[in-house]
Amino acid sequence: MKYIRINKLQWAGLVTQMNNECTAKRILLVRPEGKRGIGRPKMKWVDDVNQDSARIGERNCRRHARNEDEWKKLVRKAGAYLGLWSQ
């Protein structure tokens, strides 16, 4: 599970750095039309990434993701937090 969280953070950084015409980024940023069903809203992939970055004390992960070096530091910090490697 720890590796999944780290890979998710790495992928989020790559997608954020892609240009807007890239299919992966367009899918991530799409806003579906229509109404949602009754009940608790389903958790979105982006919400999960934001929660993971908040766990390590980073609130604005999109700003970090635009800068490749800052994003690598954030991913290393998350890996250290999860006990996968030293910072």
Protein backbone atom coordinates (compact mmCIF):
# COMPACT_ATOMS: atom_id res chain seq x y z
CA MET A 1 0.00 0.00 0.00
CA LYS A 2 2.90 2.35 0.73
CA TYR A 3 4.32 1.87 -2.75
CA ILE A 4 0.93 2.60 -4.27
CA ARG A 5 0.75 5.92 -2.43
CA ILE A 6 4.24 6.91 -3.60
CA ASN A 7 3.53 5.87 -7.19
CA LYS A 8 0.30 7.84 -7.10
CA LEU A 9 2.18 10.96 -5.99
CA GLN A 10 4.81 10.46 -8.69
CA TRP A 11 2.13 10.01 -11.37
CA ALA A 12 0.26 13.12 -10.16
CA GLY A 13 3.44 15.16 -10.58
CA LEU A 14 4.03 13.82 -14.09
CA VAL A 15 0.45 14.53 -15.16
CA THR A 16 0.56 18.04 -13.72
CA GLN A 17 3.74 18.78 -15.69
CA MET A 18 2.21 17.55 -18.99
CA ASN A 19 0.82 20.00 -21.50
CA ASN A 20 -2.94 20.55 -21.59
CA GLU A 21 -3.44 18.63 -24.85
CA CYS A 22 -2.17 15.38 -23.33
CA THR A 23 -4.92 12.77 -22.92
CA ALA A 24 -3.96 11.81 -19.36
CA LYS A 25 -4.15 15.43 -18.18
CA ARG A 26 -7.46 16.05 -19.95
CA ILE A 27 -8.96 12.96 -18.29
CA LEU A 28 -7.70 14.07 -14.88
CA LEU A 29 -9.16 17.58 -15.25
CA VAL A 30 -12.52 16.60 -16.81
CA ARG A 31 -15.71 17.78 -15.10
CA PRO A 32 -18.49 15.29 -15.86
CA GLU A 33 -21.93 16.66 -16.59
CA GLY A 34 -25.12 15.50 -14.95
CA LYS A 35 -26.20 14.79 -11.41
CA ARG A 36 -24.60 12.49 -8.91
CA GLY A 37 -26.52 9.89 -6.99
CA ILE A 38 -27.80 10.27 -3.46
CA GLY A 39 -25.36 9.71 -0.61
CA ARG A 40 -21.78 10.57 0.18
CA PRO A 41 -19.85 11.86 -2.84
CA LYS A 42 -17.37 9.36 -4.23
CA MET A 43 -13.76 10.18 -3.54
CA LYS A 44 -11.89 11.43 -6.58
CA TRP A 45 -8.34 10.40 -7.42
CA VAL A 46 -7.15 13.99 -6.97
CA ASP A 47 -8.70 14.14 -3.50
CA ASP A 48 -6.72 11.06 -2.52
CA VAL A 49 -3.47 12.64 -3.76
CA ASN A 50 -4.28 15.82 -1.81
CA GLN A 51 -4.87 13.78 1.35
CA ASP A 52 -1.58 11.94 0.93
CA SER A 53 0.33 15.20 0.49
CA ALA A 54 -1.48 16.75 3.48
CA ARG A 55 -0.31 13.83 5.64
CA ILE A 56 3.28 14.92 5.14
CA GLY A 57 2.47 18.59 5.77
CA GLU A 58 2.20 19.87 2.19
CA ARG A 59 -1.03 21.72 1.51
CA ASN A 60 -0.41 23.08 -2.00
CA CYS A 61 0.85 20.07 -3.91
CA ARG A 62 -0.07 21.43 -7.38
CA ARG A 63 2.35 24.33 -6.96
CA HIS A 64 5.13 21.87 -6.08
CA ALA A 65 4.19 19.57 -8.96
CA ARG A 66 4.83 22.30 -11.54
CA ASN A 67 8.49 22.39 -10.48
CA GLU A 68 10.13 19.01 -11.10
CA ASP A 69 12.84 19.43 -8.44
CA GLU A 70 10.36 20.50 -5.75
CA TRP A 71 8.11 17.59 -6.67
CA LYS A 72 10.95 15.09 -6.35
CA LYS A 73 11.70 16.48 -2.88
CA LEU A 74 8.03 16.11 -1.91
CA VAL A 75 7.95 12.48 -3.12
CA ARG A 76 11.17 11.71 -1.20
CA LYS A 77 9.64 13.34 1.89
CA ALA A 78 6.53 11.16 1.48
CA GLY A 79 8.69 8.06 1.10
CA ALA A 80 10.57 8.93 4.28
CA TYR A 81 7.28 9.56 6.08
CA LEU A 82 5.95 6.16 5.01
CA GLY A 83 9.24 4.49 5.98
CA LEU A 84 10.22 3.40 2.47
CA TRP A 85 13.55 5.22 2.36
CA SER A 86 15.51 7.90 4.20
CA GLN A 87 15.10 11.53 3.26
